[in-house]
Amino acid sequence: MRAGIPVVLIITVTLLAAGCIQLPGVHILRNGPDPVIGQWVGGELPASDLHVILYENQTFFSRSFYLGQGDRVTNGTWSRPDNGLIILRESSGNTTSWMYDPSDDSIYMTGLPQRKYYRFKG
């Protein structure tokens, strides 16, 4: 039985290094899925609520609600020109820049780090 443990360990490490399997939330290879892909939720209920979904094909969908302004739905494309920077280009032409903070897995609009949006885990 003990002789089988190193074999299983070697196979697991080899598969992880080859990128054949992936641990949730851990990206071993640089060309793996971008950590910003997913759904992000923020705002301060009931005054505001924001949902942004960043898809693997570099498109996004956003729905926001602000008290007194109502619902706003947008979509478009996103890109990562720099390590932490995320650029959202709405189909209307409006562009916003966001930052990804890997230390607490959050995003925020550039210049507004106090208004963080966190990954939806529901």
PDB file of N, CA and C in Angstrom:
ATOM      1  N   MET A   1       0.822  -1.197   0.000  1.00  0.00           N
ATOM      2  CA  MET A   1       0.000   0.000   0.000  1.00  0.00           C
ATOM      3  C   MET A   1       0.858   1.250   0.000  1.00  0.00           C
ATOM      4  N   ARG A   2       1.953   1.236   0.774  1.00  0.00           N
ATOM      5  CA  ARG A   2       2.820   2.411   0.845  1.00  0.00           C
ATOM      6  C   ARG A   2       3.538   2.670  -0.471  1.00  0.00           C
ATOM      7  N   ALA A   3       3.789   1.636  -1.246  1.00  0.00           N
ATOM      8  CA  ALA A   3       4.471   1.802  -2.524  1.00  0.00           C
ATOM      9  C   ALA A   3       3.568   2.515  -3.521  1.00  0.00           C
ATOM     10  N   GLY A   4       2.276   2.435  -3.364  1.00  0.00           N
ATOM     11  CA  GLY A   4       1.334   3.076  -4.275  1.00  0.00           C
ATOM     12  C   GLY A   4       1.175   4.569  -4.045  1.00  0.00           C
ATOM     13  N   ILE A   5       1.458   5.046  -2.832  1.00  0.00           N
ATOM     14  CA  ILE A   5       1.308   6.464  -2.513  1.00  0.00           C
ATOM     15  C   ILE A   5       2.238   7.339  -3.351  1.00  0.00           C
ATOM     16  N   PRO A   6       3.526   7.023  -3.470  1.00  0.00           N
ATOM     17  CA  PRO A   6       4.384   7.859  -4.323  1.00  0.00           C
ATOM     18  C   PRO A   6       3.946   7.852  -5.787  1.00  0.00           C
ATOM     19  N   VAL A   7       3.451   6.730  -6.273  1.00  0.00           N
ATOM     20  CA  VAL A   7       2.998   6.655  -7.664  1.00  0.00           C
ATOM     21  C   VAL A   7       1.798   7.585  -7.876  1.00  0.00           C
ATOM     22  N   VAL A   8       0.834   7.544  -6.978  1.00  0.00           N
ATOM     23  CA  VAL A   8      -0.341   8.415  -7.073  1.00  0.00           C
ATOM     24  C   VAL A   8       0.086   9.879  -6.970  1.00  0.00           C
ATOM     25  N   LEU A   9       1.006  10.171  -6.078  1.00  0.00           N
ATOM     26  CA  LEU A   9       1.496  11.534  -5.910  1.00  0.00           C
ATOM     27  C   LEU A   9       2.209  12.024  -7.174  1.00  0.00           C
ATOM     28  N   ILE A  10       3.028  11.197  -7.766  1.00  0.00           N
ATOM     29  CA  ILE A  10       3.745  11.571  -8.997  1.00  0.00           C
ATOM     30  C   ILE A  10       2.764  11.804 -10.141  1.00  0.00           C
ATOM     31  N   ILE A  11       1.759  10.948 -10.270  1.00  0.00           N
ATOM     32  CA  ILE A  11       0.758  11.113 -11.332  1.00  0.00           C
ATOM     33  C   ILE A  11      -0.030  12.407 -11.131  1.00  0.00           C
ATOM     34  N   THR A  12      -0.428  12.688  -9.891  1.00  0.00           N
ATOM     35  CA  THR A  12      -1.189  13.908  -9.596  1.00  0.00           C
ATOM     36  C   THR A  12      -0.375  15.157  -9.909  1.00  0.00           C
ATOM     37  N   VAL A  13       0.871  15.189  -9.477  1.00  0.00           N
ATOM     38  CA  VAL A  13       1.736  16.342  -9.739  1.00  0.00           C
ATOM     39  C   VAL A  13       1.966  16.506 -11.239  1.00  0.00           C
ATOM     40  N   THR A  14       2.153  15.415 -11.943  1.00  0.00           N
ATOM     41  CA  THR A  14       2.358  15.479 -13.400  1.00  0.00           C
ATOM     42  C   THR A  14       1.125  16.034 -14.099  1.00  0.00           C
ATOM     43  N   LEU A  15      -0.064  15.579 -13.702  1.00  0.00           N
ATOM     44  CA  LEU A  15      -1.292  16.086 -14.301  1.00  0.00           C
ATOM     45  C   LEU A  15      -1.501  17.561 -14.002  1.00  0.00           C
ATOM     46  N   LEU A  16      -1.207  17.984 -12.772  1.00  0.00           N
ATOM     47  CA  LEU A  16      -1.317  19.401 -12.430  1.00  0.00           C
ATOM     48  C   LEU A  16      -0.349  20.236 -13.258  1.00  0.00           C
ATOM     49  N   ALA A  17       0.886  19.781 -13.378  1.00  0.00           N
ATOM     50  CA  ALA A  17       1.895  20.525 -14.138  1.00  0.00           C
ATOM     51  C   ALA A  17       1.561  20.572 -15.620  1.00  0.00           C
ATOM     52  N   ALA A  18       0.939  19.524 -16.129  1.00  0.00           N
ATOM     53  CA  ALA A  18       0.581  19.484 -17.552  1.00  0.00           C
ATOM     54  C   ALA A  18      -0.683  20.294 -17.837  1.00  0.00           C
ATOM     55  N   GLY A  19      -1.403  20.679 -16.794  1.00  0.00           N
ATOM     56  CA  GLY A  19      -2.623  21.458 -16.993  1.00  0.00           C
ATOM     57  C   GLY A  19      -3.835  20.614 -17.314  1.00  0.00           C
ATOM     58  N   CYS A  20      -3.741  19.312 -17.129  1.00  0.00           N
ATOM     59  CA  CYS A  20      -4.869  18.428 -17.443  1.00  0.00           C
ATOM     60  C   CYS A  20      -5.974  18.531 -16.402  1.00  0.00           C
ATOM     61  N   ILE A  21      -5.599  18.829 -15.163  1.00  0.00           N
ATOM     62  CA  ILE A  21      -6.592  19.060 -14.118  1.00  0.00           C
ATOM     63  C   ILE A  21      -6.218  20.359 -13.429  1.00  0.00           C
ATOM     64  N   GLN A  22      -7.167  20.936 -12.725  1.00  0.00           N
ATOM     65  CA  GLN A  22      -6.910  22.212 -12.082  1.00  0.00           C
ATOM     66  C   GLN A  22      -7.619  22.244 -10.743  1.00  0.00           C
ATOM     67  N   LEU A  23      -6.942  22.745  -9.736  1.00  0.00           N
ATOM     68  CA  LEU A  23      -7.563  22.925  -8.447  1.00  0.00           C
ATOM     69  C   LEU A  23      -8.424  24.178  -8.500  1.00  0.00           C
ATOM     70  N   PRO A  24      -9.594  24.188  -7.853  1.00  0.00           N
ATOM     71  CA  PRO A  24     -10.469  25.364  -7.892  1.00  0.00           C
ATOM     72  C   PRO A  24      -9.741  26.605  -7.379  1.00  0.00           C
ATOM     73  N   GLY A  25      -9.781  27.671  -8.165  1.00  0.00           N
ATOM     74  CA  GLY A  25      -9.176  28.938  -7.766  1.00  0.00           C
ATOM     75  C   GLY A  25      -7.679  29.009  -7.907  1.00  0.00           C
ATOM     76  N   VAL A  26      -7.028  27.943  -8.382  1.00  0.00           N
ATOM     77  CA  VAL A  26      -5.571  27.930  -8.530  1.00  0.00           C
ATOM     78  C   VAL A  26      -5.242  27.806 -10.010  1.00  0.00           C
ATOM     79  N   HIS A  27      -4.476  28.745 -10.516  1.00  0.00           N
ATOM     80  CA  HIS A  27      -4.092  28.742 -11.918  1.00  0.00           C
ATOM     81  C   HIS A  27      -2.586  28.549 -12.002  1.00  0.00           C
ATOM     82  N   ILE A  28      -2.186  27.347 -12.365  1.00  0.00           N
ATOM     83  CA  ILE A  28      -0.775  27.000 -12.393  1.00  0.00           C
ATOM     84  C   ILE A  28      -0.099  27.567 -13.625  1.00  0.00           C
ATOM     85  N   LEU A  29      -0.718  27.415 -14.770  1.00  0.00           N
ATOM     86  CA  LEU A  29      -0.124  27.893 -16.017  1.00  0.00           C
ATOM     87  C   LEU A  29      -0.582  29.308 -16.311  1.00  0.00           C
ATOM     88  N   ARG A  30       0.300  30.116 -16.838  1.00  0.00           N
ATOM     89  CA  ARG A  30      -0.008  31.514 -17.151  1.00  0.00           C
ATOM     90  C   ARG A  30      -1.098  31.628 -18.208  1.00  0.00           C
ATOM     91  N   ASN A  31      -1.152  30.683 -19.142  1.00  0.00           N
ATOM     92  CA  ASN A  31      -2.144  30.764 -20.204  1.00  0.00           C
ATOM     93  C   ASN A  31      -3.465  30.103 -19.815  1.00  0.00           C
ATOM     94  N   GLY A  32      -3.655  29.825 -18.544  1.00  0.00           N
ATOM     95  CA  GLY A  32      -4.895  29.233 -18.070  1.00  0.00           C
ATOM     96  C   GLY A  32      -5.995  30.274 -17.989  1.00  0.00           C
ATOM     97  N   PRO A  33      -7.145  29.893 -17.487  1.00  0.00           N
ATOM     98  CA  PRO A  33      -8.261  30.826 -17.371  1.00  0.00           C
ATOM     99  C   PRO A  33      -7.883  32.060 -16.545  1.00  0.00           C
ATOM    100  N   ASP A  34      -8.326  33.202 -16.999  1.00  0.00           N
ATOM    101  CA  ASP A  34      -8.054  34.458 -16.306  1.00  0.00           C
ATOM    102  C   ASP A  34      -8.841  34.472 -14.994  1.00  0.00           C
ATOM    103  N   PRO A  35      -8.215  34.845 -13.879  1.00  0.00           N
ATOM    104  CA  PRO A  35      -8.924  34.828 -12.599  1.00  0.00           C
ATOM    105  C   PRO A  35     -10.068  35.839 -12.510  1.00  0.00           C
ATOM    106  N   VAL A  36     -10.161  36.795 -13.426  1.00  0.00           N
ATOM    107  CA  VAL A  36     -11.261  37.768 -13.359  1.00  0.00           C
ATOM    108  C   VAL A  36     -12.537  37.238 -13.990  1.00  0.00           C
ATOM    109  N   ILE A  37     -12.471  36.108 -14.678  1.00  0.00           N
ATOM    110  CA  ILE A  37     -13.652  35.526 -15.307  1.00  0.00           C
ATOM    111  C   ILE A  37     -14.613  35.067 -14.213  1.00  0.00           C
ATOM    112  N   GLY A  38     -15.862  35.466 -14.342  1.00  0.00           N
ATOM    113  CA  GLY A  38     -16.874  35.069 -13.373  1.00  0.00           C
ATOM    114  C   GLY A  38     -17.843  36.194 -13.097  1.00  0.00           C
ATOM    115  N   GLN A  39     -18.688  35.993 -12.091  1.00  0.00           N
ATOM    116  CA  GLN A  39     -19.693  36.989 -11.723  1.00  0.00           C
ATOM    117  C   GLN A  39     -19.241  37.738 -10.483  1.00  0.00           C
ATOM    118  N   TRP A  40     -19.364  39.068 -10.525  1.00  0.00           N
ATOM    119  CA  TRP A  40     -18.950  39.955  -9.442  1.00  0.00           C
ATOM    120  C   TRP A  40     -20.165  40.727  -8.953  1.00  0.00           C
ATOM    121  N   VAL A  41     -20.280  40.853  -7.625  1.00  0.00           N
ATOM    122  CA  VAL A  41     -21.435  41.503  -7.021  1.00  0.00           C
ATOM    123  C   VAL A  41     -20.945  42.582  -6.062  1.00  0.00           C
ATOM    124  N   GLY A  42     -21.598  43.739  -6.107  1.00  0.00           N
ATOM    125  CA  GLY A  42     -21.232  44.817  -5.200  1.00  0.00           C
ATOM    126  C   GLY A  42     -22.387  45.757  -4.976  1.00  0.00           C
ATOM    127  N   GLY A  43     -22.075  46.864  -4.332  1.00  0.00           N
ATOM    128  CA  GLY A  43     -23.089  47.872  -4.040  1.00  0.00           C
ATOM    129  C   GLY A  43     -23.457  47.846  -2.577  1.00  0.00           C
ATOM    130  N   GLU A  44     -24.329  48.759  -2.214  1.00  0.00           N
ATOM    131  CA  GLU A  44     -24.805  48.874  -0.840  1.00  0.00           C
ATOM    132  C   GLU A  44     -26.321  48.844  -0.852  1.00  0.00           C
ATOM    133  N   LEU A  45     -26.865  47.652  -0.635  1.00  0.00           N
ATOM    134  CA  LEU A  45     -28.326  47.499  -0.640  1.00  0.00           C
ATOM    135  C   LEU A  45     -28.947  48.321   0.470  1.00  0.00           C
ATOM    136  N   PRO A  46     -30.074  48.927   0.290  1.00  0.00           N
ATOM    137  CA  PRO A  46     -30.921  48.955  -0.895  1.00  0.00           C
ATOM    138  C   PRO A  46     -30.585  50.112  -1.849  1.00  0.00           C
ATOM    139  N   ALA A  47     -29.585  50.933  -1.530  1.00  0.00           N
ATOM    140  CA  ALA A  47     -29.288  52.113  -2.349  1.00  0.00           C
ATOM    141  C   ALA A  47     -28.702  51.756  -3.711  1.00  0.00           C
ATOM    142  N   SER A  48     -27.896  50.695  -3.772  1.00  0.00           N
ATOM    143  CA  SER A  48     -27.294  50.316  -5.054  1.00  0.00           C
ATOM    144  C   SER A  48     -27.006  48.825  -5.085  1.00  0.00           C
ATOM    145  N   ASP A  49     -26.978  48.302  -6.283  1.00  0.00           N
ATOM    146  CA  ASP A  49     -26.718  46.879  -6.494  1.00  0.00           C
ATOM    147  C   ASP A  49     -26.082  46.741  -7.877  1.00  0.00           C
ATOM    148  N   LEU A  50     -24.975  46.001  -7.968  1.00  0.00           N
ATOM    149  CA  LEU A  50     -24.284  45.843  -9.245  1.00  0.00           C
ATOM    150  C   LEU A  50     -23.879  44.394  -9.434  1.00  0.00           C
ATOM    151  N   HIS A  51     -24.137  43.888 -10.633  1.00  0.00           N
ATOM    152  CA  HIS A  51     -23.694  42.556 -11.030  1.00  0.00           C
ATOM    153  C   HIS A  51     -22.948  42.696 -12.348  1.00  0.00           C
ATOM    154  N   VAL A  52     -21.732  42.185 -12.401  1.00  0.00           N
ATOM    155  CA  VAL A  52     -20.944  42.175 -13.629  1.00  0.00           C
ATOM    156  C   VAL A  52     -20.520  40.732 -13.875  1.00  0.00           C
ATOM    157  N   ILE A  53     -20.751  40.237 -15.087  1.00  0.00           N
ATOM    158  CA  ILE A  53     -20.300  38.900 -15.457  1.00  0.00           C
ATOM    159  C   ILE A  53     -19.276  39.051 -16.568  1.00  0.00           C
ATOM    160  N   LEU A  54     -18.053  38.597 -16.308  1.00  0.00           N
ATOM    161  CA  LEU A  54     -16.978  38.611 -17.297  1.00  0.00           C
ATOM    162  C   LEU A  54     -16.849  37.194 -17.846  1.00  0.00           C
ATOM    163  N   TYR A  55     -17.071  37.045 -19.149  1.00  0.00           N
ATOM    164  CA  TYR A  55     -17.045  35.734 -19.789  1.00  0.00           C
ATOM    165  C   TYR A  55     -15.669  35.438 -20.382  1.00  0.00           C
ATOM    166  N   GLU A  56     -15.388  34.141 -20.594  1.00  0.00           N
ATOM    167  CA  GLU A  56     -14.101  33.713 -21.160  1.00  0.00           C
ATOM    168  C   GLU A  56     -13.848  34.256 -22.551  1.00  0.00           C
ATOM    169  N   ASN A  57     -14.895  34.500 -23.327  1.00  0.00           N
ATOM    170  CA  ASN A  57     -14.711  35.007 -24.686  1.00  0.00           C
ATOM    171  C   ASN A  57     -14.501  36.522 -24.710  1.00  0.00           C
ATOM    172  N   GLN A  58     -14.209  37.082 -23.546  1.00  0.00           N
ATOM    173  CA  GLN A  58     -13.908  38.506 -23.333  1.00  0.00           C
ATOM    174  C   GLN A  58     -15.080  39.419 -23.668  1.00  0.00           C
ATOM    175  N   THR A  59     -16.290  38.937 -23.382  1.00  0.00           N
ATOM    176  CA  THR A  59     -17.468  39.781 -23.403  1.00  0.00           C
ATOM    177  C   THR A  59     -17.965  39.901 -21.968  1.00  0.00           C
ATOM    178  N   PHE A  60     -18.817  40.895 -21.721  1.00  0.00           N
ATOM    179  CA  PHE A  60     -19.358  41.040 -20.370  1.00  0.00           C
ATOM    180  C   PHE A  60     -20.817  41.456 -20.438  1.00  0.00           C
ATOM    181  N   PHE A  61     -21.509  41.231 -19.330  1.00  0.00           N
ATOM    182  CA  PHE A  61     -22.884  41.661 -19.129  1.00  0.00           C
ATOM    183  C   PHE A  61     -22.938  42.318 -17.763  1.00  0.00           C
ATOM    184  N   SER A  62     -23.583  43.459 -17.672  1.00  0.00           N
ATOM    185  CA  SER A  62     -23.654  44.186 -16.413  1.00  0.00           C
ATOM    186  C   SER A  62     -25.077  44.664 -16.171  1.00  0.00           C
ATOM    187  N   ARG A  63     -25.522  44.531 -14.937  1.00  0.00           N
ATOM    188  CA  ARG A  63     -26.816  45.064 -14.522  1.00  0.00           C
ATOM    189  C   ARG A  63     -26.592  45.833 -13.236  1.00  0.00           C
ATOM    190  N   SER A  64     -26.969  47.091 -13.235  1.00  0.00           N
ATOM    191  CA  SER A  64     -26.808  47.899 -12.036  1.00  0.00           C
ATOM    192  C   SER A  64     -28.114  48.591 -11.681  1.00  0.00           C
ATOM    193  N   PHE A  65     -28.285  48.835 -10.411  1.00  0.00           N
ATOM    194  CA  PHE A  65     -29.453  49.540  -9.910  1.00  0.00           C
ATOM    195  C   PHE A  65     -28.975  50.565  -8.895  1.00  0.00           C
ATOM    196  N   TYR A  66     -29.383  51.793  -9.101  1.00  0.00           N
ATOM    197  CA  TYR A  66     -29.090  52.863  -8.145  1.00  0.00           C
ATOM    198  C   TYR A  66     -30.406  53.530  -7.776  1.00  0.00           C
ATOM    199  N   LEU A  67     -30.641  53.718  -6.476  1.00  0.00           N
ATOM    200  CA  LEU A  67     -31.850  54.358  -5.990  1.00  0.00           C
ATOM    201  C   LEU A  67     -31.979  55.730  -6.641  1.00  0.00           C
ATOM    202  N   GLY A  68     -33.105  56.006  -7.232  1.00  0.00           N
ATOM    203  CA  GLY A  68     -33.327  57.282  -7.902  1.00  0.00           C
ATOM    204  C   GLY A  68     -32.954  57.269  -9.377  1.00  0.00           C
ATOM    205  N   GLN A  69     -32.215  56.238  -9.824  1.00  0.00           N
ATOM    206  CA  GLN A  69     -31.829  56.151 -11.229  1.00  0.00           C
ATOM    207  C   GLN A  69     -32.426  54.927 -11.914  1.00  0.00           C
ATOM    208  N   GLY A  70     -32.795  53.930 -11.153  1.00  0.00           N
ATOM    209  CA  GLY A  70     -33.388  52.726 -11.722  1.00  0.00           C
ATOM    210  C   GLY A  70     -32.359  51.754 -12.266  1.00  0.00           C
ATOM    211  N   ASP A  71     -32.853  50.818 -13.071  1.00  0.00           N
ATOM    212  CA  ASP A  71     -32.023  49.752 -13.655  1.00  0.00           C
ATOM    213  C   ASP A  71     -31.207  50.253 -14.834  1.00  0.00           C
ATOM    214  N   ARG A  72     -30.012  49.718 -14.973  1.00  0.00           N
ATOM    215  CA  ARG A  72     -29.187  49.989 -16.145  1.00  0.00           C
ATOM    216  C   ARG A  72     -28.541  48.665 -16.551  1.00  0.00           C
ATOM    217  N   VAL A  73     -28.768  48.261 -17.794  1.00  0.00           N
ATOM    218  CA  VAL A  73     -28.211  47.010 -18.310  1.00  0.00           C
ATOM    219  C   VAL A  73     -27.251  47.358 -19.442  1.00  0.00           C
ATOM    220  N   THR A  74     -26.033  46.821 -19.387  1.00  0.00           N
ATOM    221  CA  THR A  74     -25.045  47.070 -20.436  1.00  0.00           C
ATOM    222  C   THR A  74     -24.344  45.763 -20.790  1.00  0.00           C
ATOM    223  N   ASN A  75     -23.725  45.767 -21.946  1.00  0.00           N
ATOM    224  CA  ASN A  75     -22.888  44.645 -22.347  1.00  0.00           C
ATOM    225  C   ASN A  75     -21.793  45.184 -23.251  1.00  0.00           C
ATOM    226  N   GLY A  76     -20.814  44.359 -23.534  1.00  0.00           N
ATOM    227  CA  GLY A  76     -19.710  44.791 -24.378  1.00  0.00           C
ATOM    228  C   GLY A  76     -18.557  43.809 -24.284  1.00  0.00           C
ATOM    229  N   THR A  77     -17.343  44.335 -24.405  1.00  0.00           N
ATOM    230  CA  THR A  77     -16.142  43.505 -24.351  1.00  0.00           C
ATOM    231  C   THR A  77     -15.233  43.985 -23.228  1.00  0.00           C
ATOM    232  N   TRP A  78     -14.344  43.097 -22.807  1.00  0.00           N
ATOM    233  CA  TRP A  78     -13.363  43.474 -21.790  1.00  0.00           C
ATOM    234  C   TRP A  78     -11.988  42.989 -22.218  1.00  0.00           C
ATOM    235  N   SER A  79     -10.962  43.643 -21.667  1.00  0.00           N
ATOM    236  CA  SER A  79      -9.587  43.242 -21.952  1.00  0.00           C
ATOM    237  C   SER A  79      -8.725  43.469 -20.714  1.00  0.00           C
ATOM    238  N   ARG A  80      -7.555  42.836 -20.698  1.00  0.00           N
ATOM    239  CA  ARG A  80      -6.598  42.972 -19.595  1.00  0.00           C
ATOM    240  C   ARG A  80      -5.267  43.452 -20.160  1.00  0.00           C
ATOM    241  N   PRO A  81      -5.106  44.744 -20.438  1.00  0.00           N
ATOM    242  CA  PRO A  81      -3.864  45.238 -21.019  1.00  0.00           C
ATOM    243  C   PRO A  81      -2.685  45.199 -20.046  1.00  0.00           C
ATOM    244  N   ASP A  82      -2.972  45.148 -18.751  1.00  0.00           N
ATOM    245  CA  ASP A  82      -1.935  45.142 -17.724  1.00  0.00           C
ATOM    246  C   ASP A  82      -2.319  44.090 -16.701  1.00  0.00           C
ATOM    247  N   ASN A  83      -1.400  43.747 -15.838  1.00  0.00           N
ATOM    248  CA  ASN A  83      -1.604  42.663 -14.882  1.00  0.00           C
ATOM    249  C   ASN A  83      -2.885  42.810 -14.068  1.00  0.00           C
ATOM    250  N   GLY A  84      -3.120  43.939 -13.420  1.00  0.00           N
ATOM    251  CA  GLY A  84      -4.306  44.089 -12.585  1.00  0.00           C
ATOM    252  C   GLY A  84      -5.423  44.868 -13.236  1.00  0.00           C
ATOM    253  N   LEU A  85      -5.147  45.526 -14.355  1.00  0.00           N
ATOM    254  CA  LEU A  85      -6.110  46.406 -15.002  1.00  0.00           C
ATOM    255  C   LEU A  85      -7.097  45.639 -15.877  1.00  0.00           C
ATOM    256  N   ILE A  86      -8.376  46.018 -15.794  1.00  0.00           N
ATOM    257  CA  ILE A  86      -9.432  45.452 -16.631  1.00  0.00           C
ATOM    258  C   ILE A  86     -10.138  46.623 -17.310  1.00  0.00           C
ATOM    259  N   ILE A  87     -10.248  46.594 -18.618  1.00  0.00           N
ATOM    260  CA  ILE A  87     -10.948  47.638 -19.358  1.00  0.00           C
ATOM    261  C   ILE A  87     -12.272  47.075 -19.871  1.00  0.00           C
ATOM    262  N   LEU A  88     -13.377  47.727 -19.514  1.00  0.00           N
ATOM    263  CA  LEU A  88     -14.702  47.342 -20.011  1.00  0.00           C
ATOM    264  C   LEU A  88     -15.120  48.343 -21.079  1.00  0.00           C
ATOM    265  N   ARG A  89     -15.412  47.849 -22.281  1.00  0.00           N
ATOM    266  CA  ARG A  89     -15.892  48.684 -23.376  1.00  0.00           C
ATOM    267  C   ARG A  89     -17.338  48.305 -23.667  1.00  0.00           C
ATOM    268  N   GLU A  90     -18.240  49.206 -23.300  1.00  0.00           N
ATOM    269  CA  GLU A  90     -19.658  48.948 -23.516  1.00  0.00           C
ATOM    270  C   GLU A  90     -19.985  49.045 -24.999  1.00  0.00           C
ATOM    271  N   SER A  91     -21.049  48.377 -25.407  1.00  0.00           N
ATOM    272  CA  SER A  91     -21.456  48.433 -26.808  1.00  0.00           C
ATOM    273  C   SER A  91     -21.865  49.846 -27.207  1.00  0.00           C
ATOM    274  N   SER A  92     -22.188  50.693 -26.226  1.00  0.00           N
ATOM    275  CA  SER A  92     -22.542  52.091 -26.496  1.00  0.00           C
ATOM    276  C   SER A  92     -21.311  52.963 -26.745  1.00  0.00           C
ATOM    277  N   GLY A  93     -20.107  52.420 -26.458  1.00  0.00           N
ATOM    278  CA  GLY A  93     -18.875  53.178 -26.645  1.00  0.00           C
ATOM    279  C   GLY A  93     -18.255  53.664 -25.345  1.00  0.00           C
ATOM    280  N   ASN A  94     -19.006  53.642 -24.253  1.00  0.00           N
ATOM    281  CA  ASN A  94     -18.479  54.072 -22.958  1.00  0.00           C
ATOM    282  C   ASN A  94     -17.416  53.082 -22.467  1.00  0.00           C
ATOM    283  N   THR A  95     -16.318  53.592 -21.905  1.00  0.00           N
ATOM    284  CA  THR A  95     -15.228  52.746 -21.414  1.00  0.00           C
ATOM    285  C   THR A  95     -14.982  53.040 -19.938  1.00  0.00           C
ATOM    286  N   THR A  96     -14.838  51.971 -19.138  1.00  0.00           N
ATOM    287  CA  THR A  96     -14.474  52.123 -17.730  1.00  0.00           C
ATOM    288  C   THR A  96     -13.281  51.225 -17.436  1.00  0.00           C
ATOM    289  N   SER A  97     -12.472  51.652 -16.491  1.00  0.00           N
ATOM    290  CA  SER A  97     -11.323  50.830 -16.104  1.00  0.00           C
ATOM    291  C   SER A  97     -11.514  50.342 -14.670  1.00  0.00           C
ATOM    292  N   TRP A  98     -11.139  49.094 -14.461  1.00  0.00           N
ATOM    293  CA  TRP A  98     -11.282  48.423 -13.178  1.00  0.00           C
ATOM    294  C   TRP A  98      -9.929  47.840 -12.799  1.00  0.00           C
ATOM    295  N   MET A  99      -9.766  47.554 -11.526  1.00  0.00           N
ATOM    296  CA  MET A  99      -8.561  46.887 -11.024  1.00  0.00           C
ATOM    297  C   MET A  99      -8.973  45.580 -10.362  1.00  0.00           C
ATOM    298  N   TYR A 100      -8.150  44.557 -10.572  1.00  0.00           N
ATOM    299  CA  TYR A 100      -8.360  43.264  -9.905  1.00  0.00           C
ATOM    300  C   TYR A 100      -7.388  43.182  -8.740  1.00  0.00           C
ATOM    301  N   ASP A 101      -7.897  42.862  -7.551  1.00  0.00           N
ATOM    302  CA  ASP A 101      -7.075  42.714  -6.353  1.00  0.00           C
ATOM    303  C   ASP A 101      -7.046  41.236  -5.965  1.00  0.00           C
ATOM    304  N   PRO A 102      -5.942  40.526  -6.315  1.00  0.00           N
ATOM    305  CA  PRO A 102      -5.900  39.089  -6.016  1.00  0.00           C
ATOM    306  C   PRO A 102      -5.813  38.775  -4.520  1.00  0.00           C
ATOM    307  N   SER A 103      -5.401  39.735  -3.695  1.00  0.00           N
ATOM    308  CA  SER A 103      -5.242  39.449  -2.259  1.00  0.00           C
ATOM    309  C   SER A 103      -6.574  39.110  -1.596  1.00  0.00           C
ATOM    310  N   ASP A 104      -7.663  39.726  -2.064  1.00  0.00           N
ATOM    311  CA  ASP A 104      -8.970  39.375  -1.508  1.00  0.00           C
ATOM    312  C   ASP A 104      -9.987  39.019  -2.595  1.00  0.00           C
ATOM    313  N   ASP A 105      -9.492  38.704  -3.816  1.00  0.00           N
ATOM    314  CA  ASP A 105     -10.324  38.279  -4.940  1.00  0.00           C
ATOM    315  C   ASP A 105     -11.492  39.245  -5.138  1.00  0.00           C
ATOM    316  N   SER A 106     -11.145  40.504  -5.439  1.00  0.00           N
ATOM    317  CA  SER A 106     -12.157  41.522  -5.652  1.00  0.00           C
ATOM    318  C   SER A 106     -11.764  42.401  -6.835  1.00  0.00           C
ATOM    319  N   ILE A 107     -12.748  43.150  -7.348  1.00  0.00           N
ATOM    320  CA  ILE A 107     -12.479  44.144  -8.380  1.00  0.00           C
ATOM    321  C   ILE A 107     -13.067  45.470  -7.912  1.00  0.00           C
ATOM    322  N   TYR A 108     -12.522  46.565  -8.413  1.00  0.00           N
ATOM    323  CA  TYR A 108     -13.063  47.885  -8.106  1.00  0.00           C
ATOM    324  C   TYR A 108     -12.742  48.830  -9.252  1.00  0.00           C
ATOM    325  N   MET A 109     -13.586  49.855  -9.403  1.00  0.00           N
ATOM    326  CA  MET A 109     -13.338  50.857 -10.432  1.00  0.00           C
ATOM    327  C   MET A 109     -12.064  51.607 -10.058  1.00  0.00           C
ATOM    328  N   THR A 110     -11.217  51.869 -11.054  1.00  0.00           N
ATOM    329  CA  THR A 110      -9.965  52.566 -10.807  1.00  0.00           C
ATOM    330  C   THR A 110     -10.252  53.877 -10.080  1.00  0.00           C
ATOM    331  N   GLY A 111      -9.533  54.089  -8.989  1.00  0.00           N
ATOM    332  CA  GLY A 111      -9.716  55.292  -8.191  1.00  0.00           C
ATOM    333  C   GLY A 111     -10.733  55.157  -7.079  1.00  0.00           C
ATOM    334  N   LEU A 112     -11.457  54.044  -7.029  1.00  0.00           N
ATOM    335  CA  LEU A 112     -12.471  53.841  -5.990  1.00  0.00           C
ATOM    336  C   LEU A 112     -12.259  52.510  -5.259  1.00  0.00           C
ATOM    337  N   PRO A 113     -11.097  52.299  -4.635  1.00  0.00           N
ATOM    338  CA  PRO A 113     -10.843  51.005  -3.972  1.00  0.00           C
ATOM    339  C   PRO A 113     -11.745  50.744  -2.778  1.00  0.00           C
ATOM    340  N   GLN A 114     -12.414  51.766  -2.260  1.00  0.00           N
ATOM    341  CA  GLN A 114     -13.318  51.565  -1.125  1.00  0.00           C
ATOM    342  C   GLN A 114     -14.641  50.936  -1.559  1.00  0.00           C
ATOM    343  N   ARG A 115     -14.909  50.903  -2.863  1.00  0.00           N
ATOM    344  CA  ARG A 115     -16.150  50.303  -3.383  1.00  0.00           C
ATOM    345  C   ARG A 115     -15.816  49.018  -4.126  1.00  0.00           C
ATOM    346  N   LYS A 116     -15.495  47.983  -3.373  1.00  0.00           N
ATOM    347  CA  LYS A 116     -15.093  46.712  -3.964  1.00  0.00           C
ATOM    348  C   LYS A 116     -16.294  45.844  -4.315  1.00  0.00           C
ATOM    349  N   TYR A 117     -16.089  45.031  -5.339  1.00  0.00           N
ATOM    350  CA  TYR A 117     -17.068  44.055  -5.773  1.00  0.00           C
ATOM    351  C   TYR A 117     -16.415  42.681  -5.652  1.00  0.00           C
ATOM    352  N   TYR A 118     -17.159  41.769  -5.054  1.00  0.00           N
ATOM    353  CA  TYR A 118     -16.598  40.454  -4.758  1.00  0.00           C
ATOM    354  C   TYR A 118     -17.230  39.376  -5.633  1.00  0.00           C
ATOM    355  N   ARG A 119     -16.474  38.301  -5.817  1.00  0.00           N
ATOM    356  CA  ARG A 119     -16.939  37.177  -6.630  1.00  0.00           C
ATOM    357  C   ARG A 119     -18.210  36.587  -6.019  1.00  0.00           C
ATOM    358  N   PHE A 120     -19.197  36.354  -6.877  1.00  0.00           N
ATOM    359  CA  PHE A 120     -20.450  35.751  -6.441  1.00  0.00           C
ATOM    360  C   PHE A 120     -20.190  34.274  -6.148  1.00  0.00           C
ATOM    361  N   LYS A 121     -20.580  33.836  -4.952  1.00  0.00           N
ATOM    362  CA  LYS A 121     -20.332  32.454  -4.545  1.00  0.00           C
ATOM    363  C   LYS A 121     -21.613  31.741  -4.172  1.00  0.00           C
ATOM    364  N   GLY A 122     -22.706  32.163  -4.744  1.00  0.00           N
ATOM    365  CA  GLY A 122     -24.005  31.591  -4.398  1.00  0.00           C
ATOM    366  C   GLY A 122     -24.329  30.463  -5.241  1.00  0.00           C
TER     367      GLY A 122
END
